[in-house]
Amino acid sequence: MAEQITEPAQAIIAAWDRFAAGAWETRGDRPSTEQSRADENLLSIGISDDPAAVAKKLRYALYLNATSPWLEAAALGAVVPDMAERLMADDTINEAIWSAIVSLEAMEARP
């Protein structure tokens, strides 16, 4: 049964945490379970006004749009050397997604 969390932001963050952990373990070939389907549905269509939750949704979009292992790793939270230069050589969509993630995470880090 899917985990019940009443706060939308917490639910989105928890869904991302499970998705990212599974993606690292299986390299994107995750088994389809009721929980994984619910998580991916929430990451796709869930709505939140919390910057941290929106950043997780954008990480999910970046992961799905990734065309290289380094971009998948960055979406999952890895530090990728020369990220800005790599993105400029990649494409504008991923560059926009990445800059939005960094901006939202900076907002969340403010006191």
PDB file of N, CA and C in Angstrom:
ATOM      1  N   MET A   1       0.841  -1.174   0.000  1.00  0.00           N
ATOM      2  CA  MET A   1       0.000   0.000   0.000  1.00  0.00           C
ATOM      3  C   MET A   1       0.887   1.239   0.000  1.00  0.00           C
ATOM      4  N   ALA A   2       0.497   2.271  -0.710  1.00  0.00           N
ATOM      5  CA  ALA A   2       1.261   3.506  -0.805  1.00  0.00           C
ATOM      6  C   ALA A   2       1.292   4.205   0.549  1.00  0.00           C
ATOM      7  N   GLU A   3       2.446   4.800   0.849  1.00  0.00           N
ATOM      8  CA  GLU A   3       2.621   5.542   2.087  1.00  0.00           C
ATOM      9  C   GLU A   3       1.686   6.748   2.097  1.00  0.00           C
ATOM     10  N   GLN A   4       1.025   6.987   3.217  1.00  0.00           N
ATOM     11  CA  GLN A   4       0.096   8.100   3.326  1.00  0.00           C
ATOM     12  C   GLN A   4       0.788   9.286   3.994  1.00  0.00           C
ATOM     13  N   ILE A   5       0.910  10.387   3.282  1.00  0.00           N
ATOM     14  CA  ILE A   5       1.466  11.624   3.814  1.00  0.00           C
ATOM     15  C   ILE A   5       0.486  12.719   3.434  1.00  0.00           C
ATOM     16  N   THR A   6       0.082  13.514   4.419  1.00  0.00           N
ATOM     17  CA  THR A   6      -0.947  14.502   4.139  1.00  0.00           C
ATOM     18  C   THR A   6      -0.388  15.781   3.533  1.00  0.00           C
ATOM     19  N   GLU A   7       0.842  16.144   3.833  1.00  0.00           N
ATOM     20  CA  GLU A   7       1.444  17.370   3.303  1.00  0.00           C
ATOM     21  C   GLU A   7       1.967  17.104   1.894  1.00  0.00           C
ATOM     22  N   PRO A   8       1.453  17.818   0.872  1.00  0.00           N
ATOM     23  CA  PRO A   8       1.883  17.564  -0.510  1.00  0.00           C
ATOM     24  C   PRO A   8       3.398  17.687  -0.716  1.00  0.00           C
ATOM     25  N   ALA A   9       4.029  18.682  -0.125  1.00  0.00           N
ATOM     26  CA  ALA A   9       5.474  18.849  -0.303  1.00  0.00           C
ATOM     27  C   ALA A   9       6.228  17.657   0.257  1.00  0.00           C
ATOM     28  N   GLN A  10       5.843  17.213   1.443  1.00  0.00           N
ATOM     29  CA  GLN A  10       6.500  16.051   2.052  1.00  0.00           C
ATOM     30  C   GLN A  10       6.302  14.807   1.203  1.00  0.00           C
ATOM     31  N   ALA A  11       5.127  14.659   0.642  1.00  0.00           N
ATOM     32  CA  ALA A  11       4.837  13.492  -0.195  1.00  0.00           C
ATOM     33  C   ALA A  11       5.702  13.503  -1.456  1.00  0.00           C
ATOM     34  N   ILE A  12       5.851  14.664  -2.078  1.00  0.00           N
ATOM     35  CA  ILE A  12       6.664  14.769  -3.293  1.00  0.00           C
ATOM     36  C   ILE A  12       8.125  14.492  -2.974  1.00  0.00           C
ATOM     37  N   ILE A  13       8.628  15.061  -1.881  1.00  0.00           N
ATOM     38  CA  ILE A  13      10.020  14.842  -1.489  1.00  0.00           C
ATOM     39  C   ILE A  13      10.261  13.372  -1.172  1.00  0.00           C
ATOM     40  N   ALA A  14       9.344  12.737  -0.463  1.00  0.00           N
ATOM     41  CA  ALA A  14       9.486  11.312  -0.145  1.00  0.00           C
ATOM     42  C   ALA A  14       9.439  10.461  -1.411  1.00  0.00           C
ATOM     43  N   ALA A  15       8.563  10.823  -2.344  1.00  0.00           N
ATOM     44  CA  ALA A  15       8.473  10.087  -3.614  1.00  0.00           C
ATOM     45  C   ALA A  15       9.784  10.205  -4.387  1.00  0.00           C
ATOM     46  N   TRP A  16      10.357  11.403  -4.419  1.00  0.00           N
ATOM     47  CA  TRP A  16      11.643  11.593  -5.106  1.00  0.00           C
ATOM     48  C   TRP A  16      12.737  10.784  -4.424  1.00  0.00           C
ATOM     49  N   ASP A  17      12.781  10.810  -3.104  1.00  0.00           N
ATOM     50  CA  ASP A  17      13.821  10.070  -2.386  1.00  0.00           C
ATOM     51  C   ASP A  17      13.769   8.583  -2.728  1.00  0.00           C
ATOM     52  N   ARG A  18      12.562   8.028  -2.777  1.00  0.00           N
ATOM     53  CA  ARG A  18      12.425   6.603  -3.137  1.00  0.00           C
ATOM     54  C   ARG A  18      12.814   6.379  -4.597  1.00  0.00           C
ATOM     55  N   PHE A  19      12.354   7.271  -5.487  1.00  0.00           N
ATOM     56  CA  PHE A  19      12.673   7.131  -6.899  1.00  0.00           C
ATOM     57  C   PHE A  19      14.179   7.203  -7.118  1.00  0.00           C
ATOM     58  N   ALA A  20      14.833   8.205  -6.534  1.00  0.00           N
ATOM     59  CA  ALA A  20      16.276   8.392  -6.729  1.00  0.00           C
ATOM     60  C   ALA A  20      17.064   7.211  -6.173  1.00  0.00           C
ATOM     61  N   ALA A  21      16.683   6.730  -5.003  1.00  0.00           N
ATOM     62  CA  ALA A  21      17.378   5.574  -4.428  1.00  0.00           C
ATOM     63  C   ALA A  21      17.247   4.365  -5.348  1.00  0.00           C
ATOM     64  N   GLY A  22      16.063   4.144  -5.864  1.00  0.00           N
ATOM     65  CA  GLY A  22      15.850   3.019  -6.782  1.00  0.00           C
ATOM     66  C   GLY A  22      16.595   3.191  -8.088  1.00  0.00           C
ATOM     67  N   ALA A  23      16.651   4.422  -8.588  1.00  0.00           N
ATOM     68  CA  ALA A  23      17.347   4.681  -9.859  1.00  0.00           C
ATOM     69  C   ALA A  23      18.842   4.425  -9.720  1.00  0.00           C
ATOM     70  N   TRP A  24      19.428   4.800  -8.575  1.00  0.00           N
ATOM     71  CA  TRP A  24      20.851   4.524  -8.360  1.00  0.00           C
ATOM     72  C   TRP A  24      21.098   3.022  -8.323  1.00  0.00           C
ATOM     73  N   GLU A  25      20.215   2.294  -7.668  1.00  0.00           N
ATOM     74  CA  GLU A  25      20.404   0.846  -7.504  1.00  0.00           C
ATOM     75  C   GLU A  25      20.198   0.072  -8.800  1.00  0.00           C
ATOM     76  N   THR A  26      19.246   0.494  -9.606  1.00  0.00           N
ATOM     77  CA  THR A  26      18.872  -0.308 -10.777  1.00  0.00           C
ATOM     78  C   THR A  26      19.264   0.316 -12.103  1.00  0.00           C
ATOM     79  N   ARG A  27      19.880   1.507 -12.055  1.00  0.00           N
ATOM     80  CA  ARG A  27      20.272   2.227 -13.278  1.00  0.00           C
ATOM     81  C   ARG A  27      19.087   2.438 -14.203  1.00  0.00           C
ATOM     82  N   GLY A  28      17.953   2.843 -13.632  1.00  0.00           N
ATOM     83  CA  GLY A  28      16.793   3.211 -14.424  1.00  0.00           C
ATOM     84  C   GLY A  28      15.863   2.068 -14.779  1.00  0.00           C
ATOM     85  N   ASP A  29      16.222   0.851 -14.434  1.00  0.00           N
ATOM     86  CA  ASP A  29      15.381  -0.300 -14.758  1.00  0.00           C
ATOM     87  C   ASP A  29      14.650  -0.746 -13.501  1.00  0.00           C
ATOM     88  N   ARG A  30      13.840   0.172 -12.963  1.00  0.00           N
ATOM     89  CA  ARG A  30      13.159  -0.095 -11.705  1.00  0.00           C
ATOM     90  C   ARG A  30      11.998  -1.051 -11.890  1.00  0.00           C
ATOM     91  N   PRO A  31      11.835  -1.960 -10.928  1.00  0.00           N
ATOM     92  CA  PRO A  31      10.656  -2.834 -10.996  1.00  0.00           C
ATOM     93  C   PRO A  31       9.394  -2.008 -10.778  1.00  0.00           C
ATOM     94  N   SER A  32       8.338  -2.366 -11.470  1.00  0.00           N
ATOM     95  CA  SER A  32       7.086  -1.649 -11.355  1.00  0.00           C
ATOM     96  C   SER A  32       6.285  -2.216 -10.192  1.00  0.00           C
ATOM     97  N   THR A  33       6.129  -1.395  -9.162  1.00  0.00           N
ATOM     98  CA  THR A  33       5.329  -1.773  -8.001  1.00  0.00           C
ATOM     99  C   THR A  33       4.242  -0.727  -7.824  1.00  0.00           C
ATOM    100  N   GLU A  34       3.295  -1.009  -6.976  1.00  0.00           N
ATOM    101  CA  GLU A  34       2.245  -0.025  -6.697  1.00  0.00           C
ATOM    102  C   GLU A  34       2.866   1.261  -6.158  1.00  0.00           C
ATOM    103  N   GLN A  35       3.860   1.128  -5.269  1.00  0.00           N
ATOM    104  CA  GLN A  35       4.518   2.305  -4.689  1.00  0.00           C
ATOM    105  C   GLN A  35       5.282   3.089  -5.744  1.00  0.00           C
ATOM    106  N   SER A  36       6.029   2.404  -6.609  1.00  0.00           N
ATOM    107  CA  SER A  36       6.810   3.133  -7.622  1.00  0.00           C
ATOM    108  C   SER A  36       5.894   3.843  -8.621  1.00  0.00           C
ATOM    109  N   ARG A  37       4.791   3.210  -8.986  1.00  0.00           N
ATOM    110  CA  ARG A  37       3.836   3.867  -9.890  1.00  0.00           C
ATOM    111  C   ARG A  37       3.211   5.091  -9.222  1.00  0.00           C
ATOM    112  N   ALA A  38       2.871   4.972  -7.942  1.00  0.00           N
ATOM    113  CA  ALA A  38       2.296   6.103  -7.208  1.00  0.00           C
ATOM    114  C   ALA A  38       3.321   7.238  -7.083  1.00  0.00           C
ATOM    115  N   ASP A  39       4.572   6.878  -6.812  1.00  0.00           N
ATOM    116  CA  ASP A  39       5.630   7.889  -6.707  1.00  0.00           C
ATOM    117  C   ASP A  39       5.811   8.636  -8.024  1.00  0.00           C
ATOM    118  N   GLU A  40       5.912   7.897  -9.110  1.00  0.00           N
ATOM    119  CA  GLU A  40       6.135   8.538 -10.401  1.00  0.00           C
ATOM    120  C   GLU A  40       4.922   9.367 -10.826  1.00  0.00           C
ATOM    121  N   ASN A  41       3.743   8.926 -10.478  1.00  0.00           N
ATOM    122  CA  ASN A  41       2.541   9.710 -10.757  1.00  0.00           C
ATOM    123  C   ASN A  41       2.572  11.028  -9.977  1.00  0.00           C
ATOM    124  N   LEU A  42       2.935  10.965  -8.705  1.00  0.00           N
ATOM    125  CA  LEU A  42       3.008  12.163  -7.884  1.00  0.00           C
ATOM    126  C   LEU A  42       4.091  13.112  -8.401  1.00  0.00           C
ATOM    127  N   LEU A  43       5.238  12.556  -8.786  1.00  0.00           N
ATOM    128  CA  LEU A  43       6.312  13.400  -9.322  1.00  0.00           C
ATOM    129  C   LEU A  43       5.908  14.038 -10.647  1.00  0.00           C
ATOM    130  N   SER A  44       5.081  13.363 -11.401  1.00  0.00           N
ATOM    131  CA  SER A  44       4.640  13.898 -12.696  1.00  0.00           C
ATOM    132  C   SER A  44       3.569  14.962 -12.562  1.00  0.00           C
ATOM    133  N   ILE A  45       2.568  14.726 -11.722  1.00  0.00           N
ATOM    134  CA  ILE A  45       1.416  15.629 -11.706  1.00  0.00           C
ATOM    135  C   ILE A  45       1.145  16.296 -10.362  1.00  0.00           C
ATOM    136  N   GLY A  46       1.925  15.936  -9.325  1.00  0.00           N
ATOM    137  CA  GLY A  46       1.719  16.562  -8.014  1.00  0.00           C
ATOM    138  C   GLY A  46       2.017  18.051  -8.066  1.00  0.00           C
ATOM    139  N   ILE A  47       1.306  18.818  -7.267  1.00  0.00           N
ATOM    140  CA  ILE A  47       1.469  20.269  -7.239  1.00  0.00           C
ATOM    141  C   ILE A  47       1.870  20.689  -5.831  1.00  0.00           C
ATOM    142  N   SER A  48       2.855  21.582  -5.769  1.00  0.00           N
ATOM    143  CA  SER A  48       3.295  22.091  -4.483  1.00  0.00           C
ATOM    144  C   SER A  48       3.806  23.510  -4.650  1.00  0.00           C
ATOM    145  N   ASP A  49       3.693  24.296  -3.580  1.00  0.00           N
ATOM    146  CA  ASP A  49       4.264  25.637  -3.590  1.00  0.00           C
ATOM    147  C   ASP A  49       5.559  25.688  -2.777  1.00  0.00           C
ATOM    148  N   ASP A  50       6.065  24.522  -2.396  1.00  0.00           N
ATOM    149  CA  ASP A  50       7.295  24.426  -1.613  1.00  0.00           C
ATOM    150  C   ASP A  50       8.495  24.327  -2.563  1.00  0.00           C
ATOM    151  N   PRO A  51       9.491  25.222  -2.437  1.00  0.00           N
ATOM    152  CA  PRO A  51      10.644  25.190  -3.350  1.00  0.00           C
ATOM    153  C   PRO A  51      11.377  23.850  -3.381  1.00  0.00           C
ATOM    154  N   ALA A  52      11.530  23.206  -2.230  1.00  0.00           N
ATOM    155  CA  ALA A  52      12.241  21.927  -2.199  1.00  0.00           C
ATOM    156  C   ALA A  52      11.479  20.857  -2.982  1.00  0.00           C
ATOM    157  N   ALA A  53      10.166  20.839  -2.850  1.00  0.00           N
ATOM    158  CA  ALA A  53       9.361  19.855  -3.574  1.00  0.00           C
ATOM    159  C   ALA A  53       9.387  20.128  -5.076  1.00  0.00           C
ATOM    160  N   VAL A  54       9.315  21.394  -5.455  1.00  0.00           N
ATOM    161  CA  VAL A  54       9.362  21.742  -6.883  1.00  0.00           C
ATOM    162  C   VAL A  54      10.731  21.369  -7.458  1.00  0.00           C
ATOM    163  N   ALA A  55      11.792  21.575  -6.685  1.00  0.00           N
ATOM    164  CA  ALA A  55      13.137  21.188  -7.142  1.00  0.00           C
ATOM    165  C   ALA A  55      13.207  19.681  -7.381  1.00  0.00           C
ATOM    166  N   LYS A  56      12.577  18.895  -6.525  1.00  0.00           N
ATOM    167  CA  LYS A  56      12.569  17.427  -6.711  1.00  0.00           C
ATOM    168  C   LYS A  56      11.807  17.062  -7.983  1.00  0.00           C
ATOM    169  N   LYS A  57      10.692  17.735  -8.243  1.00  0.00           N
ATOM    170  CA  LYS A  57       9.933  17.473  -9.473  1.00  0.00           C
ATOM    171  C   LYS A  57      10.789  17.809 -10.700  1.00  0.00           C
ATOM    172  N   LEU A  58      11.543  18.898 -10.624  1.00  0.00           N
ATOM    173  CA  LEU A  58      12.413  19.259 -11.739  1.00  0.00           C
ATOM    174  C   LEU A  58      13.564  18.264 -11.895  1.00  0.00           C
ATOM    175  N   ARG A  59      14.089  17.752 -10.789  1.00  0.00           N
ATOM    176  CA  ARG A  59      15.118  16.709 -10.876  1.00  0.00           C
ATOM    177  C   ARG A  59      14.552  15.479 -11.593  1.00  0.00           C
ATOM    178  N   TYR A  60      13.309  15.153 -11.296  1.00  0.00           N
ATOM    179  CA  TYR A  60      12.646  14.030 -11.966  1.00  0.00           C
ATOM    180  C   TYR A  60      12.538  14.298 -13.465  1.00  0.00           C
ATOM    181  N   ALA A  61      12.125  15.511 -13.837  1.00  0.00           N
ATOM    182  CA  ALA A  61      12.028  15.869 -15.258  1.00  0.00           C
ATOM    183  C   ALA A  61      13.392  15.807 -15.932  1.00  0.00           C
ATOM    184  N   LEU A  62      14.413  16.315 -15.251  1.00  0.00           N
ATOM    185  CA  LEU A  62      15.761  16.284 -15.811  1.00  0.00           C
ATOM    186  C   LEU A  62      16.229  14.850 -16.005  1.00  0.00           C
ATOM    187  N   TYR A  63      15.951  14.000 -15.018  1.00  0.00           N
ATOM    188  CA  TYR A  63      16.332  12.584 -15.125  1.00  0.00           C
ATOM    189  C   TYR A  63      15.645  11.935 -16.331  1.00  0.00           C
ATOM    190  N   LEU A  64      14.365  12.174 -16.482  1.00  0.00           N
ATOM    191  CA  LEU A  64      13.624  11.585 -17.596  1.00  0.00           C
ATOM    192  C   LEU A  64      14.103  12.106 -18.945  1.00  0.00           C
ATOM    193  N   ASN A  65      14.590  13.350 -18.965  1.00  0.00           N
ATOM    194  CA  ASN A  65      15.034  13.976 -20.208  1.00  0.00           C
ATOM    195  C   ASN A  65      16.517  13.723 -20.488  1.00  0.00           C
ATOM    196  N   ALA A  66      17.214  13.124 -19.536  1.00  0.00           N
ATOM    197  CA  ALA A  66      18.673  12.935 -19.654  1.00  0.00           C
ATOM    198  C   ALA A  66      19.023  12.043 -20.839  1.00  0.00           C
ATOM    199  N   THR A  67      20.037  12.471 -21.560  1.00  0.00           N
ATOM    200  CA  THR A  67      20.520  11.698 -22.708  1.00  0.00           C
ATOM    201  C   THR A  67      21.934  11.199 -22.481  1.00  0.00           C
ATOM    202  N   SER A  68      22.436  11.361 -21.253  1.00  0.00           N
ATOM    203  CA  SER A  68      23.785  10.901 -20.941  1.00  0.00           C
ATOM    204  C   SER A  68      23.853  10.465 -19.478  1.00  0.00           C
ATOM    205  N   PRO A  69      24.790   9.576 -19.160  1.00  0.00           N
ATOM    206  CA  PRO A  69      24.927   9.127 -17.764  1.00  0.00           C
ATOM    207  C   PRO A  69      25.279  10.268 -16.805  1.00  0.00           C
ATOM    208  N   TRP A  70      26.088  11.239 -17.243  1.00  0.00           N
ATOM    209  CA  TRP A  70      26.457  12.338 -16.337  1.00  0.00           C
ATOM    210  C   TRP A  70      25.243  13.200 -15.999  1.00  0.00           C
ATOM    211  N   LEU A  71      24.315  13.360 -16.949  1.00  0.00           N
ATOM    212  CA  LEU A  71      23.118  14.150 -16.684  1.00  0.00           C
ATOM    213  C   LEU A  71      22.165  13.387 -15.767  1.00  0.00           C
ATOM    214  N   GLU A  72      22.057  12.088 -15.955  1.00  0.00           N
ATOM    215  CA  GLU A  72      21.263  11.266 -15.029  1.00  0.00           C
ATOM    216  C   GLU A  72      21.831  11.385 -13.618  1.00  0.00           C
ATOM    217  N   ALA A  73      23.161  11.275 -13.506  1.00  0.00           N
ATOM    218  CA  ALA A  73      23.806  11.356 -12.191  1.00  0.00           C
ATOM    219  C   ALA A  73      23.563  12.712 -11.538  1.00  0.00           C
ATOM    220  N   ALA A  74      23.668  13.787 -12.315  1.00  0.00           N
ATOM    221  CA  ALA A  74      23.416  15.126 -11.773  1.00  0.00           C
ATOM    222  C   ALA A  74      21.971  15.247 -11.299  1.00  0.00           C
ATOM    223  N   ALA A  75      21.040  14.726 -12.081  1.00  0.00           N
ATOM    224  CA  ALA A  75      19.625  14.781 -11.690  1.00  0.00           C
ATOM    225  C   ALA A  75      19.397  14.046 -10.382  1.00  0.00           C
ATOM    226  N   LEU A  76      20.134  12.965 -10.177  1.00  0.00           N
ATOM    227  CA  LEU A  76      19.984  12.173  -8.951  1.00  0.00           C
ATOM    228  C   LEU A  76      20.739  12.763  -7.769  1.00  0.00           C
ATOM    229  N   GLY A  77      21.504  13.849  -8.005  1.00  0.00           N
ATOM    230  CA  GLY A  77      22.163  14.529  -6.896  1.00  0.00           C
ATOM    231  C   GLY A  77      23.676  14.458  -6.876  1.00  0.00           C
ATOM    232  N   ALA A  78      24.286  13.800  -7.848  1.00  0.00           N
ATOM    233  CA  ALA A  78      25.742  13.720  -7.883  1.00  0.00           C
ATOM    234  C   ALA A  78      26.335  15.063  -8.294  1.00  0.00           C
ATOM    235  N   VAL A  79      27.522  15.330  -7.788  1.00  0.00           N
ATOM    236  CA  VAL A  79      28.258  16.517  -8.216  1.00  0.00           C
ATOM    237  C   VAL A  79      28.996  16.150  -9.495  1.00  0.00           C
ATOM    238  N   VAL A  80      28.713  16.876 -10.556  1.00  0.00           N
ATOM    239  CA  VAL A  80      29.316  16.610 -11.866  1.00  0.00           C
ATOM    240  C   VAL A  80      30.295  17.736 -12.178  1.00  0.00           C
ATOM    241  N   PRO A  81      31.584  17.395 -12.352  1.00  0.00           N
ATOM    242  CA  PRO A  81      32.557  18.439 -12.688  1.00  0.00           C
ATOM    243  C   PRO A  81      32.176  19.146 -13.988  1.00  0.00           C
ATOM    244  N   ASP A  82      32.413  20.435 -14.040  1.00  0.00           N
ATOM    245  CA  ASP A  82      32.157  21.247 -15.233  1.00  0.00           C
ATOM    246  C   ASP A  82      30.704  21.161 -15.695  1.00  0.00           C
ATOM    247  N   MET A  83      29.795  21.143 -14.744  1.00  0.00           N
ATOM    248  CA  MET A  83      28.378  20.985 -15.067  1.00  0.00           C
ATOM    249  C   MET A  83      27.881  22.077 -16.020  1.00  0.00           C
ATOM    250  N   ALA A  84      28.224  23.329 -15.750  1.00  0.00           N
ATOM    251  CA  ALA A  84      27.733  24.423 -16.596  1.00  0.00           C
ATOM    252  C   ALA A  84      28.210  24.263 -18.030  1.00  0.00           C
ATOM    253  N   GLU A  85      29.476  23.932 -18.208  1.00  0.00           N
ATOM    254  CA  GLU A  85      30.020  23.755 -19.556  1.00  0.00           C
ATOM    255  C   GLU A  85      29.376  22.564 -20.264  1.00  0.00           C
ATOM    256  N   ARG A  86      29.174  21.496 -19.533  1.00  0.00           N
ATOM    257  CA  ARG A  86      28.526  20.317 -20.119  1.00  0.00           C
ATOM    258  C   ARG A  86      27.114  20.646 -20.582  1.00  0.00           C
ATOM    259  N   LEU A  87      26.373  21.406 -19.752  1.00  0.00           N
ATOM    260  CA  LEU A  87      25.002  21.758 -20.108  1.00  0.00           C
ATOM    261  C   LEU A  87      24.956  22.668 -21.328  1.00  0.00           C
ATOM    262  N   MET A  88      25.883  23.602 -21.409  1.00  0.00           N
ATOM    263  CA  MET A  88      25.892  24.497 -22.565  1.00  0.00           C
ATOM    264  C   MET A  88      26.115  23.713 -23.855  1.00  0.00           C
ATOM    265  N   ALA A  89      26.866  22.633 -23.761  1.00  0.00           N
ATOM    266  CA  ALA A  89      27.108  21.799 -24.936  1.00  0.00           C
ATOM    267  C   ALA A  89      25.951  20.826 -25.171  1.00  0.00           C
ATOM    268  N   ASP A  90      25.107  20.619 -24.161  1.00  0.00           N
ATOM    269  CA  ASP A  90      24.016  19.647 -24.245  1.00  0.00           C
ATOM    270  C   ASP A  90      22.809  20.254 -24.958  1.00  0.00           C
ATOM    271  N   ASP A  91      21.976  20.964 -24.236  1.00  0.00           N
ATOM    272  CA  ASP A  91      20.840  21.646 -24.856  1.00  0.00           C
ATOM    273  C   ASP A  91      20.207  22.637 -23.896  1.00  0.00           C
ATOM    274  N   THR A  92      19.453  23.544 -24.439  1.00  0.00           N
ATOM    275  CA  THR A  92      18.870  24.634 -23.673  1.00  0.00           C
ATOM    276  C   THR A  92      17.823  24.158 -22.682  1.00  0.00           C
ATOM    277  N   ILE A  93      17.052  23.142 -23.028  1.00  0.00           N
ATOM    278  CA  ILE A  93      16.013  22.641 -22.117  1.00  0.00           C
ATOM    279  C   ILE A  93      16.638  22.157 -20.814  1.00  0.00           C
ATOM    280  N   ASN A  94      17.641  21.309 -20.907  1.00  0.00           N
ATOM    281  CA  ASN A  94      18.279  20.796 -19.694  1.00  0.00           C
ATOM    282  C   ASN A  94      18.990  21.898 -18.923  1.00  0.00           C
ATOM    283  N   GLU A  95      19.546  22.854 -19.631  1.00  0.00           N
ATOM    284  CA  GLU A  95      20.195  23.987 -18.973  1.00  0.00           C
ATOM    285  C   GLU A  95      19.156  24.786 -18.178  1.00  0.00           C
ATOM    286  N   ALA A  96      17.987  24.999 -18.743  1.00  0.00           N
ATOM    287  CA  ALA A  96      16.919  25.728 -18.052  1.00  0.00           C
ATOM    288  C   ALA A  96      16.409  24.947 -16.846  1.00  0.00           C
ATOM    289  N   ILE A  97      16.226  23.651 -17.016  1.00  0.00           N
ATOM    290  CA  ILE A  97      15.775  22.818 -15.890  1.00  0.00           C
ATOM    291  C   ILE A  97      16.798  22.865 -14.768  1.00  0.00           C
ATOM    292  N   TRP A  98      18.079  22.698 -15.106  1.00  0.00           N
ATOM    293  CA  TRP A  98      19.136  22.682 -14.094  1.00  0.00           C
ATOM    294  C   TRP A  98      19.209  24.023 -13.360  1.00  0.00           C
ATOM    295  N   SER A  99      19.143  25.131 -14.090  1.00  0.00           N
ATOM    296  CA  SER A  99      19.237  26.433 -13.427  1.00  0.00           C
ATOM    297  C   SER A  99      18.029  26.661 -12.516  1.00  0.00           C
ATOM    298  N   ALA A 100      16.865  26.154 -12.888  1.00  0.00           N
ATOM    299  CA  ALA A 100      15.688  26.263 -12.022  1.00  0.00           C
ATOM    300  C   ALA A 100      15.875  25.436 -10.750  1.00  0.00           C
ATOM    301  N   ILE A 101      16.447  24.242 -10.874  1.00  0.00           N
ATOM    302  CA  ILE A 101      16.718  23.395  -9.701  1.00  0.00           C
ATOM    303  C   ILE A 101      17.657  24.124  -8.745  1.00  0.00           C
ATOM    304  N   VAL A 102      18.762  24.640  -9.278  1.00  0.00           N
ATOM    305  CA  VAL A 102      19.747  25.332  -8.443  1.00  0.00           C
ATOM    306  C   VAL A 102      19.112  26.554  -7.772  1.00  0.00           C
ATOM    307  N   SER A 103      18.289  27.289  -8.502  1.00  0.00           N
ATOM    308  CA  SER A 103      17.624  28.464  -7.936  1.00  0.00           C
ATOM    309  C   SER A 103      16.671  28.081  -6.795  1.00  0.00           C
ATOM    310  N   LEU A 104      15.878  27.053  -7.020  1.00  0.00           N
ATOM    311  CA  LEU A 104      14.932  26.625  -5.971  1.00  0.00           C
ATOM    312  C   LEU A 104      15.654  26.083  -4.755  1.00  0.00           C
ATOM    313  N   GLU A 105      16.728  25.333  -4.957  1.00  0.00           N
ATOM    314  CA  GLU A 105      17.474  24.812  -3.817  1.00  0.00           C
ATOM    315  C   GLU A 105      18.148  25.942  -3.055  1.00  0.00           C
ATOM    316  N   ALA A 106      18.569  26.995  -3.754  1.00  0.00           N
ATOM    317  CA  ALA A 106      19.142  28.172  -3.077  1.00  0.00           C
ATOM    318  C   ALA A 106      18.068  28.877  -2.249  1.00  0.00           C
ATOM    319  N   MET A 107      16.861  28.965  -2.788  1.00  0.00           N
ATOM    320  CA  MET A 107      15.753  29.575  -2.039  1.00  0.00           C
ATOM    321  C   MET A 107      15.476  28.794  -0.769  1.00  0.00           C
ATOM    322  N   GLU A 108      15.480  27.494  -0.869  1.00  0.00           N
ATOM    323  CA  GLU A 108      15.186  26.633   0.273  1.00  0.00           C
ATOM    324  C   GLU A 108      16.277  26.740   1.335  1.00  0.00           C
ATOM    325  N   ALA A 109      17.520  26.988   0.929  1.00  0.00           N
ATOM    326  CA  ALA A 109      18.644  27.050   1.851  1.00  0.00           C
ATOM    327  C   ALA A 109      18.701  28.366   2.627  1.00  0.00           C
ATOM    328  N   ARG A 110      17.980  29.386   2.145  1.00  0.00           N
ATOM    329  CA  ARG A 110      17.980  30.672   2.845  1.00  0.00           C
ATOM    330  C   ARG A 110      17.334  30.554   4.208  1.00  0.00           C
ATOM    331  N   PRO A 111      17.891  31.302   5.200  1.00  0.00           N
ATOM    332  CA  PRO A 111      17.291  31.261   6.557  1.00  0.00           C
ATOM    333  C   PRO A 111      15.931  31.913   6.598  1.00  0.00           C
TER     334      PRO A 111
END
